[in-house]
Amino acid sequence: MEQVSPPKRRLEPLCEKITLPVIRAVVDDFYNRIQHHPTLAEPFSVVQD
């Protein structure tokens, strides 16, 4: 019996799929959450807006 290889996919750079507005939204969400986190808020309080 001959083994069949799975079809090869064309890899696409992730940077072409994630736009700058999406990156900004993720960073904003992270920063907003971290400011209210019970243990991480204090260490991250040194981060300037």
Protein backbone atom coordinates (compact mmCIF):
# COMPACT_ATOMS: atom_id res chain seq x y z
CA MET A 1 0.00 0.00 0.00
CA GLU A 2 1.36 3.41 -0.98
CA GLN A 3 1.29 6.21 1.59
CA VAL A 4 -0.39 9.39 0.48
CA SER A 5 1.08 12.68 1.73
CA PRO A 6 -1.33 15.38 2.83
CA PRO A 7 -1.69 18.24 0.35
CA LYS A 8 0.80 21.04 0.88
CA ARG A 9 -0.56 24.41 1.96
CA ARG A 10 0.77 27.72 0.81
CA LEU A 11 1.94 29.59 3.88
CA GLU A 12 0.90 33.22 4.04
CA PRO A 13 2.65 35.77 6.24
CA LEU A 14 0.56 36.56 9.29
CA CYS A 15 1.60 40.22 9.10
CA GLU A 16 -0.46 40.55 5.91
CA LYS A 17 -3.60 39.45 7.75
CA ILE A 18 -3.27 41.51 10.93
CA THR A 19 -3.69 45.21 10.30
CA LEU A 20 -2.36 48.07 12.41
CA PRO A 21 -5.85 49.01 13.69
CA VAL A 22 -6.34 45.43 14.92
CA ILE A 23 -2.97 45.48 16.69
CA ARG A 24 -3.84 48.81 18.32
CA ALA A 25 -7.21 47.47 19.49
CA VAL A 26 -5.57 44.39 21.05
CA VAL A 27 -2.96 46.50 22.83
CA ASP A 28 -5.64 48.92 24.10
CA ASP A 29 -7.75 46.03 25.39
CA PHE A 30 -4.74 44.46 27.11
CA TYR A 31 -3.74 47.76 28.72
CA ASN A 32 -7.29 48.44 29.93
CA ARG A 33 -7.56 44.97 31.46
CA ILE A 34 -4.14 45.09 33.08
CA GLN A 35 -4.96 48.39 34.82
CA HIS A 36 -7.76 46.67 36.73
CA HIS A 37 -6.09 43.32 37.39
CA PRO A 38 -5.67 42.59 41.14
CA THR A 39 -2.00 41.58 40.97
CA LEU A 40 -0.73 43.08 37.71
CA ALA A 41 -2.10 46.61 38.04
CA GLU A 42 0.67 47.74 40.37
CA PRO A 43 3.68 46.52 38.32
CA PHE A 44 2.14 47.95 35.14
CA SER A 45 1.32 51.29 36.76
CA VAL A 46 4.73 52.59 35.67
CA VAL A 47 3.69 52.30 32.01
CA GLN A 48 2.89 55.72 30.56
CA ASP A 49 -0.14 56.22 28.29
